[in-house]
Protein backbone atom coordinates (compact mmCIF):
# COMPACT_ATOMS: atom_id res chain seq x y z
CA MET A 1 -46.83 13.67 -10.86
CA SER A 2 -43.68 12.43 -9.11
CA ILE A 3 -41.81 12.09 -5.81
CA ALA A 4 -39.84 15.23 -7.08
CA GLY A 5 -42.98 16.80 -8.51
CA LEU A 6 -44.79 16.62 -4.68
CA LEU A 7 -41.85 18.06 -3.24
CA ARG A 8 -41.87 20.79 -5.93
CA ALA A 9 -45.46 21.84 -5.44
CA ALA A 10 -45.05 21.41 -1.98
CA ALA A 11 -42.02 24.14 -1.55
CA GLN A 12 -43.98 26.60 -3.50
CA LYS A 13 -46.99 26.58 -1.61
CA TRP A 14 -46.07 26.46 1.56
CA GLY A 15 -42.37 28.34 1.57
CA THR A 16 -41.34 29.49 4.94
CA ARG A 17 -43.97 27.48 6.79
CA THR A 18 -41.69 25.00 9.44
CA ALA A 19 -41.60 21.42 7.69
CA VAL A 20 -40.08 19.38 10.02
CA ARG A 21 -38.50 19.78 13.25
CA THR A 22 -37.30 17.85 16.55
CA PRO A 23 -39.64 17.77 19.52
CA LEU A 24 -37.64 20.37 21.34
CA GLY A 25 -37.20 22.51 18.01
CA ASP A 26 -33.22 22.72 18.70
CA ARG A 27 -33.58 22.07 14.93
CA SER A 28 -36.09 22.35 12.24
CA LEU A 29 -35.84 22.88 8.35
CA ASP A 30 -38.74 24.93 6.75
CA PHE A 31 -40.50 23.57 3.39
CA GLN A 32 -38.08 25.64 0.81
CA THR A 33 -35.28 23.91 2.52
CA PHE A 34 -36.34 20.56 3.61
CA CYS A 35 -37.71 20.32 -0.30
CA GLU A 36 -34.19 21.38 -1.86
CA ALA A 37 -32.10 19.32 0.37
CA CYS A 38 -34.37 16.40 -0.80
CA LEU A 39 -33.63 17.27 -4.32
CA GLY A 40 -30.18 17.44 -4.10
CA PHE A 41 -29.41 14.48 -2.27
CA GLY A 42 -30.65 12.43 -5.30
CA SER A 43 -28.41 15.04 -7.15
CA ARG A 44 -25.64 14.16 -4.76
CA LEU A 45 -25.77 10.50 -5.31
CA GLN A 46 -24.51 11.04 -8.25
CA GLN A 47 -20.53 10.80 -7.22
CA PHE A 48 -21.45 6.92 -6.68
CA SER A 49 -21.99 6.42 -10.42
CA VAL A 50 -25.23 5.60 -10.10
CA ASP A 51 -27.81 5.69 -12.71
CA ARG A 52 -31.64 6.22 -12.66
CA GLY A 53 -33.69 3.60 -11.83
CA ASP A 54 -30.93 1.90 -9.75
CA ARG A 55 -31.64 0.36 -6.50
CA ILE A 56 -30.55 2.37 -3.22
CA ALA A 57 -30.88 0.40 -0.12
CA LEU A 58 -31.20 2.36 3.16
CA ILE A 59 -31.00 1.08 6.39
CA GLY A 60 -32.24 4.30 9.25
CA ASP A 61 -34.19 5.31 12.01
CA GLN A 62 -36.95 7.64 12.71
CA HIS A 63 -34.85 11.38 12.40
CA PHE A 64 -35.80 13.62 9.79
CA ASP A 65 -32.74 13.01 7.86
CA TYR A 66 -33.77 9.85 7.03
CA LEU A 67 -36.80 11.58 5.58
CA ILE A 68 -34.69 13.82 3.30
CA ALA A 69 -32.36 10.53 1.94
CA ASP A 70 -36.00 8.15 1.29
CA TYR A 71 -37.01 11.28 -0.21
CA GLY A 72 -34.09 12.34 -2.42
CA VAL A 73 -33.49 8.54 -3.86
CA MET A 74 -36.35 8.62 -4.80
CA ALA A 75 -37.13 12.11 -5.84
CA GLY A 76 -33.43 11.74 -8.21
CA GLY A 77 -35.17 8.85 -10.40
CA LEU A 78 -33.38 6.21 -8.23
CA VAL A 79 -35.66 3.19 -6.09
CA ARG A 80 -35.18 3.33 -2.49
CA VAL A 81 -35.43 -0.13 -0.90
CA PRO A 82 -36.28 0.62 2.95
CA LEU A 83 -34.99 -2.11 5.34
CA ASP A 84 -36.43 -3.32 8.67
CA PRO A 85 -33.06 -2.38 10.90
CA ALA A 86 -34.93 -5.22 13.40
CA LEU A 87 -33.69 -8.23 11.00
CA SER A 88 -30.61 -9.62 10.97
CA ALA A 89 -27.25 -8.52 8.45
CA PRO A 90 -27.73 -12.14 6.70
CA GLU A 91 -31.51 -11.56 6.01
CA LEU A 92 -31.08 -8.28 4.94
CA ALA A 93 -28.19 -9.04 2.65
CA ALA A 94 -30.25 -11.41 0.88
CA GLN A 95 -32.87 -8.63 0.03
CA VAL A 96 -30.44 -6.26 -1.11
CA GLY A 97 -29.08 -9.06 -2.81
CA ASP A 98 -32.39 -9.53 -4.42
CA ALA A 99 -33.09 -5.99 -5.32
CA GLY A 100 -29.74 -5.78 -7.39
CA ALA A 101 -28.89 -2.79 -5.18
CA ARG A 102 -25.43 -0.63 -6.08
CA LEU A 103 -25.52 1.55 -2.38
CA ILE A 104 -26.63 1.44 1.04
CA LEU A 105 -26.80 4.19 2.85
CA PHE A 106 -27.40 4.10 6.50
CA SER A 107 -27.53 6.69 9.34
CA HIS A 108 -25.04 6.94 11.93
CA SER A 109 -27.51 4.85 14.85
CA ARG A 110 -27.65 1.60 11.97
CA ARG A 111 -23.81 1.91 11.63
CA GLU A 112 -22.83 -1.48 12.89
CA LEU A 113 -25.44 -3.14 10.82
CA GLY A 114 -24.84 -0.98 7.60
CA GLN A 115 -21.31 -2.07 7.81
CA ALA A 116 -22.24 -5.67 8.36
CA VAL A 117 -24.66 -6.01 5.50
CA ALA A 118 -22.03 -4.06 2.92
CA THR A 119 -19.75 -6.80 3.82
CA LEU A 120 -21.96 -9.52 3.12
CA ALA A 121 -23.25 -7.68 0.18
CA GLN A 122 -19.94 -6.39 -1.26
CA LEU A 123 -21.56 -2.90 -2.07
CA PRO A 124 -20.23 0.83 -1.15
CA ILE A 125 -21.65 2.24 1.96
CA GLN A 126 -22.08 6.10 2.84
CA SER A 127 -23.84 7.93 5.96
CA ILE A 128 -27.03 9.32 5.42
CA GLU A 129 -25.96 12.24 7.92
CA GLU A 130 -23.15 13.25 6.08
CA THR A 131 -24.69 13.52 2.88
CA VAL A 132 -27.40 15.55 4.13
CA ARG A 133 -24.66 17.88 5.74
CA GLU A 134 -23.22 18.04 2.30
CA VAL A 135 -26.53 18.63 0.62
CA LEU A 136 -27.47 21.67 3.05
CA HIS A 137 -23.89 23.05 3.44
CA SER A 138 -23.88 23.55 -0.38
CA SER A 139 -25.23 25.80 -2.84
CA ALA A 140 -25.55 23.35 -5.68
CA ARG A 141 -28.69 22.66 -6.31
CA SER A 142 -30.37 19.74 -7.79
CA SER A 143 -29.21 18.27 -11.79
CA ASN A 144 -31.79 19.94 -14.04
CA ASP A 145 -32.73 15.77 -14.88
CA ALA A 146 -36.32 15.60 -16.18
CA ASP A 147 -38.34 14.25 -13.04
CA PRO A 148 -39.16 10.58 -13.48
CA ALA A 149 -42.67 9.53 -14.91
CA ARG A 150 -45.37 7.91 -13.37
CA ASP A 151 -44.65 4.62 -14.13
CA ASP A 152 -40.88 4.48 -13.49
CA ILE A 153 -40.55 2.88 -10.09
CA ALA A 154 -40.11 4.51 -6.83
CA SER A 155 -39.38 1.82 -4.20
CA LEU A 156 -39.38 -2.01 -3.16
CA ASN A 157 -40.87 -2.76 -0.07
CA TYR A 158 -39.90 -6.29 1.07
CA THR A 159 -42.41 -8.11 3.31
CA GLY A 160 -43.04 -11.37 5.31
CA GLY A 161 -39.93 -13.83 5.42
CA THR A 162 -36.43 -13.11 4.03
CA SER A 163 -34.14 -16.13 4.82
CA SER A 164 -35.18 -17.98 1.91
CA GLU A 165 -36.80 -16.25 -0.51
CA PRO A 166 -37.42 -12.46 -0.20
CA LYS A 167 -40.08 -10.92 -1.77
CA ALA A 168 -40.30 -6.94 -2.51
CA VAL A 169 -43.22 -4.85 -3.50
CA VAL A 170 -43.05 -2.80 -6.65
CA LEU A 171 -44.35 0.61 -6.16
CA ASN A 172 -44.39 2.93 -8.75
CA HIS A 173 -44.63 7.09 -8.61
CA GLY A 174 -48.07 7.15 -9.99
CA ALA A 175 -49.02 4.75 -6.83
CA LEU A 176 -47.40 6.60 -4.12
CA ARG A 177 -48.58 10.10 -5.23
CA ALA A 178 -52.15 8.26 -5.44
CA ALA A 179 -51.61 7.03 -1.59
CA VAL A 180 -50.36 10.03 -0.96
CA GLN A 181 -53.84 11.94 -2.08
CA ASN A 182 -55.80 9.51 -0.15
CA ILE A 183 -54.30 9.92 3.22
CA VAL A 184 -54.73 13.61 2.73
CA LEU A 185 -58.13 13.53 1.53
CA ALA A 186 -58.92 10.70 4.55
CA ARG A 187 -57.29 12.38 7.50
CA GLY A 188 -58.32 15.81 6.98
CA ALA A 189 -54.88 17.59 8.66
CA GLY A 190 -54.29 20.92 7.11
CA ALA A 191 -51.54 23.65 7.09
CA GLY A 192 -50.00 24.00 10.37
CA ASP A 193 -51.28 20.82 11.79
CA LEU A 194 -48.34 18.89 14.10
CA MET A 195 -47.80 15.09 13.75
CA LEU A 196 -45.85 13.52 16.16
CA ASN A 197 -43.89 10.85 14.47
CA VAL A 198 -42.61 7.90 16.88
CA ARG A 199 -42.56 4.93 14.34
CA PRO A 200 -40.12 3.83 12.31
CA LEU A 201 -40.07 5.18 8.73
CA TRP A 202 -39.46 2.27 6.54
CA PRO A 203 -41.71 1.53 4.48
CA ILE A 204 -44.76 3.33 4.67
CA ALA A 205 -44.59 5.60 7.28
CA ALA A 206 -42.41 8.22 5.22
CA ILE A 207 -45.30 7.83 2.73
CA VAL A 208 -47.82 9.04 5.63
CA VAL A 209 -45.73 11.80 6.93
CA LEU A 210 -45.24 12.56 2.75
CA ALA A 211 -48.63 13.54 2.88
CA HIS A 212 -48.51 15.26 5.95
CA LEU A 213 -46.21 17.84 4.70
CA CYS A 214 -48.18 17.56 1.06
CA ALA A 215 -51.18 18.70 3.26
CA GLY A 216 -49.15 21.92 4.95
CA GLY A 217 -48.53 20.39 8.44
CA THR A 218 -45.76 20.03 10.42
CA VAL A 219 -43.70 16.75 11.29
CA ILE A 220 -42.01 16.94 14.48
CA THR A 221 -40.04 13.35 14.15
CA ALA A 222 -39.01 11.88 17.23
CA GLU A 223 -37.14 8.54 19.05
CA SER A 224 -38.90 5.59 19.35
CA PHE A 225 -42.03 4.83 21.27
CA SER A 226 -42.01 4.57 24.87
CA ALA A 227 -45.67 4.73 27.14
CA GLU A 228 -44.09 7.75 29.05
CA ARG A 229 -41.98 9.49 27.03
CA PHE A 230 -44.43 9.10 23.89
CA LEU A 231 -47.28 11.09 26.82
CA SER A 232 -44.71 13.73 27.59
CA LEU A 233 -44.03 14.58 24.26
CA VAL A 234 -47.89 14.85 23.47
CA GLU A 235 -48.18 17.51 26.01
CA GLN A 236 -44.58 18.90 25.07
CA THR A 237 -45.56 19.26 21.10
CA GLY A 238 -49.02 20.24 21.35
CA ALA A 239 -49.56 18.10 18.37
CA SER A 240 -52.69 17.14 16.95
CA PHE A 241 -51.86 14.23 15.21
CA THR A 242 -49.52 10.72 15.32
CA SER A 243 -49.51 7.25 13.88
CA LEU A 244 -48.96 4.38 16.04
CA VAL A 245 -49.35 0.74 16.28
CA PRO A 246 -51.91 -1.48 18.26
CA THR A 247 -49.04 -2.66 20.30
CA HIS A 248 -48.44 0.56 21.99
CA LEU A 249 -52.25 1.77 22.95
CA VAL A 250 -51.78 -1.61 24.87
CA ARG A 251 -48.74 -0.65 25.91
CA MET A 252 -50.26 3.07 27.27
CA LEU A 253 -52.50 1.39 29.17
CA ARG A 254 -50.58 -1.31 30.99
CA GLU A 255 -47.74 0.59 31.88
CA ALA A 256 -48.98 4.59 32.38
CA ASP A 257 -50.92 6.23 34.82
CA ARG A 258 -54.85 6.44 33.87
CA GLY A 259 -54.50 9.90 34.84
CA ALA A 260 -51.60 10.68 32.42
CA LEU A 261 -53.51 8.97 29.33
CA THR A 262 -55.65 12.21 29.25
CA VAL A 263 -53.23 14.37 27.43
CA LEU A 264 -54.50 12.32 24.39
CA ARG A 265 -57.66 14.53 24.41
CA SER A 266 -55.48 17.00 22.70
CA LEU A 267 -55.05 15.03 19.64
CA ARG A 268 -57.23 15.26 16.97
CA SER A 269 -56.21 11.89 15.52
CA ILE A 270 -54.28 8.69 16.39
CA ASP A 271 -53.94 6.45 13.40
CA VAL A 272 -53.61 2.90 13.67
CA GLY A 273 -52.68 0.42 11.71
CA ALA A 274 -50.55 -2.98 11.32
CA ALA A 275 -53.06 -5.23 13.37
CA ALA A 276 -56.39 -5.06 14.70
CA ILE A 277 -56.66 -3.35 17.67
CA PRO A 278 -58.03 -5.40 20.39
CA PRO A 279 -61.67 -4.58 21.18
CA GLU A 280 -61.47 -4.50 24.75
CA THR A 281 -58.46 -1.83 24.30
CA PHE A 282 -60.37 0.36 21.68
CA ALA A 283 -63.61 0.63 24.24
CA GLU A 284 -61.23 1.74 27.65
CA LEU A 285 -59.38 4.04 25.53
CA ILE A 286 -62.20 5.79 24.45
CA ASP A 287 -64.20 6.13 27.88
CA LEU A 288 -60.80 7.88 28.82
CA ILE A 289 -59.82 10.01 26.42
CA GLY A 290 -62.86 10.03 23.70
CA PRO A 291 -63.12 8.75 20.01
CA LYS A 292 -59.62 10.24 19.25
CA ILE A 293 -58.17 6.77 17.38
CA GLY A 294 -57.96 6.62 13.49
CA VAL A 295 -58.30 2.86 12.07
CA LEU A 296 -56.84 1.92 8.77
CA TYR A 297 -56.80 -0.73 6.77
CA GLY A 298 -54.29 -1.48 4.01
CA LEU A 299 -51.22 -3.30 2.98
CA THR A 300 -47.76 -2.96 1.40
CA GLU A 301 -49.57 -3.71 -1.91
CA ALA A 302 -52.11 -1.34 -1.48
CA PRO A 303 -51.06 1.24 1.44
CA TRP A 304 -54.26 3.14 3.56
CA SER A 305 -57.20 1.41 1.51
CA CYS A 306 -59.57 1.83 4.54
CA TYR A 307 -59.81 4.28 7.01
CA GLN A 308 -62.56 5.06 9.79
CA PRO A 309 -62.19 8.55 11.31
CA PRO A 310 -62.12 8.42 15.25
CA THR A 311 -65.09 10.03 15.39
CA ASP A 312 -67.37 6.99 13.79
CA VAL A 313 -67.26 4.75 16.25
CA MET A 314 -70.07 7.07 17.96
CA GLU A 315 -73.26 6.76 16.88
CA ASP A 316 -76.25 9.51 18.16
CA SER A 317 -73.20 9.80 21.07
CA ALA A 318 -72.96 7.14 22.09
CA LEU A 319 -70.23 3.91 21.14
CA ASN A 320 -71.30 1.58 18.88
CA PRO A 321 -69.68 -2.00 19.38
CA SER A 322 -69.94 -3.35 16.43
CA ARG A 323 -67.36 -0.32 15.45
CA LEU A 324 -64.77 -1.43 17.65
CA ARG A 325 -64.08 -3.78 14.79
CA SER A 326 -64.51 -2.22 11.64
CA ALA A 327 -61.46 -0.34 9.58
CA GLY A 328 -64.09 1.48 7.84
CA ARG A 329 -64.73 2.84 4.40
CA ALA A 330 -62.87 2.70 1.34
CA VAL A 331 -60.71 5.43 1.08
CA PHE A 332 -60.39 8.11 -2.08
CA GLY A 333 -59.45 6.77 -5.32
CA CYS A 334 -59.95 3.03 -3.51
CA ASP A 335 -62.39 0.30 -4.28
CA ILE A 336 -63.29 -2.77 -1.58
CA ALA A 337 -64.57 -5.86 -3.54
CA ILE A 338 -65.13 -9.36 -1.79
CA ASP A 339 -64.82 -12.56 -4.02
CA ASP A 340 -67.13 -15.48 -2.46
CA ALA A 341 -66.35 -17.90 -5.05
CA SER A 342 -70.04 -17.66 -6.38
CA GLY A 343 -69.46 -15.08 -9.62
CA PRO A 344 -67.42 -11.65 -9.95
CA PRO A 345 -66.58 -9.41 -6.97
CA ARG A 346 -69.21 -8.04 -4.74
CA PRO A 347 -69.72 -4.60 -2.85
CA SER A 348 -70.82 -6.54 0.10
CA GLY A 349 -70.46 -10.09 1.63
CA GLU A 350 -68.34 -12.07 2.70
CA GLY A 351 -65.28 -13.82 1.21
CA GLU A 352 -61.79 -12.70 0.58
CA ILE A 353 -60.76 -8.93 0.45
CA LEU A 354 -60.45 -7.55 -2.95
CA ILE A 355 -58.78 -4.00 -3.63
CA ARG A 356 -58.41 -2.02 -6.61
CA GLY A 357 -56.91 1.64 -7.57
CA ALA A 358 -53.81 3.81 -8.50
CA HIS A 359 -52.05 3.06 -5.19
CA LEU A 360 -51.58 -0.34 -6.04
CA MET A 361 -48.63 -2.14 -6.53
CA SER A 362 -46.79 -2.95 -9.81
CA GLY A 363 -45.92 -6.34 -8.91
CA TYR A 364 -43.41 -8.43 -6.90
CA TRP A 365 -40.15 -7.74 -8.03
CA ASN A 366 -38.92 -10.27 -9.73
CA LYS A 367 -42.36 -12.57 -9.44
CA PRO A 368 -44.03 -12.64 -13.22
CA GLU A 369 -46.33 -15.41 -11.90
CA LEU A 370 -47.15 -14.29 -8.33
CA SER A 371 -47.79 -10.95 -9.60
CA THR A 372 -50.05 -11.82 -12.08
CA ALA A 373 -51.97 -13.95 -9.65
CA THR A 374 -52.31 -11.78 -6.76
CA LEU A 375 -53.08 -9.00 -9.55
CA ARG A 376 -55.49 -10.94 -11.72
CA GLY A 377 -58.58 -9.03 -13.04
CA GLY A 378 -57.56 -5.99 -12.26
CA TRP A 379 -58.07 -6.50 -8.51
CA LEU A 380 -55.39 -7.14 -5.14
CA HIS A 381 -56.32 -10.50 -4.10
CA THR A 382 -55.49 -9.72 -0.41
CA GLY A 383 -55.76 -13.44 1.23
CA ASP A 384 -57.48 -11.52 3.99
CA LEU A 385 -60.89 -12.95 4.89
CA GLY A 386 -63.72 -10.39 5.86
CA PHE A 387 -67.22 -9.11 4.89
CA ILE A 388 -68.49 -5.42 3.52
CA ASP A 389 -71.61 -4.29 5.00
CA GLN A 390 -75.03 -2.13 3.47
CA GLN A 391 -73.05 0.91 4.49
CA GLY A 392 -69.34 -0.05 2.67
CA ARG A 393 -67.80 -0.82 5.97
CA LEU A 394 -64.78 -3.05 6.00
CA THR A 395 -64.10 -5.45 8.98
CA VAL A 396 -61.70 -8.15 8.50
CA THR A 397 -61.88 -11.38 10.07
CA GLY A 398 -59.12 -13.33 9.12
CA ARG A 399 -56.77 -14.42 6.52
CA LEU A 400 -56.31 -16.67 3.80
CA LYS A 401 -52.58 -16.38 3.89
CA LEU A 402 -51.30 -18.23 7.06
CA MET A 403 -48.70 -15.06 7.70
CA ILE A 404 -48.75 -13.74 11.25
CA ARG A 405 -48.64 -10.60 12.03
CA THR A 406 -46.75 -9.60 15.19
CA GLY A 407 -46.20 -6.14 16.70
CA GLY A 408 -47.11 -4.83 13.22
CA LYS A 409 -44.41 -7.01 11.99
CA SER A 410 -44.84 -9.90 9.05
CA VAL A 411 -43.51 -13.65 10.27
CA SER A 412 -43.70 -16.38 7.22
CA PRO A 413 -44.20 -19.75 8.68
CA GLY A 414 -42.45 -21.23 6.80
CA GLU A 415 -38.76 -19.59 7.45
CA VAL A 416 -39.67 -20.57 11.48
CA GLU A 417 -40.36 -24.41 10.52
CA GLN A 418 -37.36 -24.93 7.86
CA VAL A 419 -35.13 -23.82 11.75
CA ILE A 420 -36.86 -25.81 14.00
CA ARG A 421 -37.02 -28.38 11.77
CA GLN A 422 -32.72 -27.85 11.79
CA PHE A 423 -32.70 -29.30 15.36
CA SER A 424 -31.82 -32.60 16.00
CA GLY A 425 -34.25 -34.64 17.09
CA VAL A 426 -37.38 -32.56 15.67
CA THR A 427 -39.26 -34.54 12.84
CA ASP A 428 -41.31 -31.90 12.08
CA ALA A 429 -43.13 -28.50 12.86
CA ALA A 430 -45.99 -26.31 12.31
CA VAL A 431 -45.66 -22.64 12.83
CA PHE A 432 -48.56 -20.32 13.40
CA GLY A 433 -49.36 -17.23 14.99
CA LEU A 434 -51.66 -17.38 18.35
CA PRO A 435 -54.22 -14.13 19.50
CA ASP A 436 -52.90 -11.60 22.18
CA PRO A 437 -53.41 -8.56 23.77
CA GLU A 438 -50.15 -6.69 22.95
CA TRP A 439 -48.89 -8.34 20.16
CA GLY A 440 -51.60 -8.76 18.31
CA GLU A 441 -50.77 -12.76 17.46
CA ILE A 442 -47.53 -14.44 18.65
CA VAL A 443 -45.68 -17.03 17.39
CA ALA A 444 -46.38 -20.21 18.32
CA ALA A 445 -45.10 -23.61 17.21
CA ALA A 446 -46.40 -27.51 17.53
CA ILE A 447 -43.61 -29.93 17.17
CA THR A 448 -43.17 -33.67 16.83
CA VAL A 449 -39.78 -35.78 17.88
CA GLU A 450 -38.38 -39.39 17.36
CA ALA A 451 -39.34 -41.89 19.04
CA ASP A 452 -38.41 -42.30 22.61
CA GLN A 453 -36.87 -38.79 22.87
CA SER A 454 -37.78 -35.67 24.70
CA ILE A 455 -36.27 -32.44 23.42
CA ASN A 456 -34.95 -29.74 26.11
CA HIS A 457 -37.35 -26.43 24.70
CA ALA A 458 -34.43 -24.04 26.61
CA GLU A 459 -32.38 -25.69 24.14
CA LEU A 460 -34.56 -25.29 21.28
CA ALA A 461 -35.62 -21.57 22.25
CA ALA A 462 -31.70 -20.78 22.28
CA HIS A 463 -31.15 -22.52 18.66
CA CYS A 464 -34.14 -20.35 16.77
CA ALA A 465 -32.87 -17.13 18.63
CA ALA A 466 -29.33 -17.76 17.09
CA ARG A 467 -31.24 -18.06 13.77
CA LEU A 468 -34.21 -16.12 13.48
CA SER A 469 -34.65 -12.42 14.22
CA PRO A 470 -36.63 -11.96 17.90
CA HIS A 471 -39.99 -11.14 16.55
CA LYS A 472 -39.93 -14.56 14.52
CA ARG A 473 -39.06 -16.73 17.54
CA PRO A 474 -41.54 -18.85 18.96
CA LYS A 475 -43.07 -17.75 22.17
CA ARG A 476 -44.82 -20.76 23.04
CA ILE A 477 -43.31 -24.54 21.86
CA GLN A 478 -45.09 -27.34 22.86
CA THR A 479 -44.15 -30.46 21.88
CA ILE A 480 -47.30 -33.23 20.77
CA ALA A 481 -47.57 -36.70 19.49
CA ALA A 482 -48.44 -35.96 15.96
CA LEU A 483 -49.67 -32.84 13.64
CA PRO A 484 -53.15 -32.89 12.80
CA ARG A 485 -53.51 -33.12 8.84
CA SER A 486 -56.28 -32.79 6.79
CA HIS A 487 -57.13 -35.76 4.21
CA TYR A 488 -55.10 -33.36 1.49
CA GLY A 489 -52.27 -33.34 4.05
CA LYS A 490 -52.61 -29.83 5.45
CA VAL A 491 -51.79 -29.19 8.62
CA GLN A 492 -55.68 -28.51 10.67
CA LEU A 493 -54.21 -24.98 11.84
CA SER A 494 -57.55 -24.94 13.77
CA ARG A 495 -57.15 -27.93 15.35
CA LEU A 496 -53.84 -26.93 17.03
CA ARG A 497 -54.82 -23.96 18.16
CA GLU A 498 -57.34 -25.57 20.15
CA ILE A 499 -54.44 -27.83 21.93
CA PHE A 500 -52.47 -24.69 22.52
CA GLU A 501 -55.76 -23.32 24.22
CA ASN A 502 -56.56 -26.68 25.96
CA LEU A 503 -53.52 -27.14 27.00
CA GLU A 504 -53.16 -23.38 28.70
CA ASN A 505 -56.07 -23.98 30.49
CA GLY A 506 -55.28 -27.21 32.51
CA LEU A 507 -57.30 -29.13 30.23
CA THR A 508 -56.52 -32.49 28.00
């Protein structure tokens, strides 16, 4: 079944129930109207002379007009290319060019960025809101073209660093349908359950929302997260589900009165992914609001692969400390295993985490060798390290890959190093992640400089700010005599982290 099929099934089953609405309820659409709008949106794009399989870039926000565009593109047999509006126009233009997009859709709040990208990429541009308005006020229905096939590409999701070499994950309709099924079964939401969304809808959050809709739930689309506003919305809407990242949890503990946090007790589940939750943050929230946090593990290449329901953190009515670091068990339709380099994948043990299932990506866009290497043996080799216990629970302990995860976003160290090395006087640089209770990791840089020279770190920071998106800029920069390297010539990141930790503690 394709995205179009999922929408039609939801419309048929849930009909006049409310599908999406704003927090105040001043704007809402029932399932029938919402699904027809999504299907009609894809047809409306034919006026731009696009054909089935063409890539359509989207730069948007978390209003439900974006959902109509997102689902509509895929339902119409086109390929969605959801873009991160936190990136710069040149970075996004590189992704659009790599995808071979034919059209850029933008939300009004992203008009300036959308126009800048369209100018660089030399592509036509169209407002999401205006197109949705046309669809909702038109008596015309979607075309009678056949629904996309299971193996047709539905989405290209760009990951990691983008300036030098964009890399897009290819997900087909069958994979997204499998992901939706996994999410529905894992979360246990049902008809009438309210989900409050404060997260950007690109690229996977929109699929979590679709799963909630397919289960008959109502989605409340709200503005981006702030601790005070979020707590107020939970109390105001009576939502039972929401989705956050660990940074949001840390901010609530830092910025909100402890008494105000008790409104979160009304939620059935706060599903948290994108990075590990600091154990001390997890434990403190359980003490304040009870077991309300569901933990998920997945990648863009394999969304929602493991899940730990909120109550699983408890054992015999008491907190089980080991569960504070657990990502739970494999969801329905997913297998997880460990590659410890001693033989075939194992169902338990410690090593690289492998994932298998219908929800996996097809590969990386226009990167056949990387695709083959990553999906060898029918398993997705995640590059993450972890262990699976005898009960099938996964704990993630680190990464083989060097990608930095900060505030739920991926940063390629090589991209940042390239920018730093362009600064006059810098001879070498190593960029890596340092643990941080709020962001999960922060970007840190160790640099070496030309003999008898010194580097003004404030000027270097300004140099980086002019060339990198905010989440990619180093938060800590340290000049050292030489980068520690192994006999293979590789930078020893563990030694660099020790150097930074000693400097922070005043040790030499």
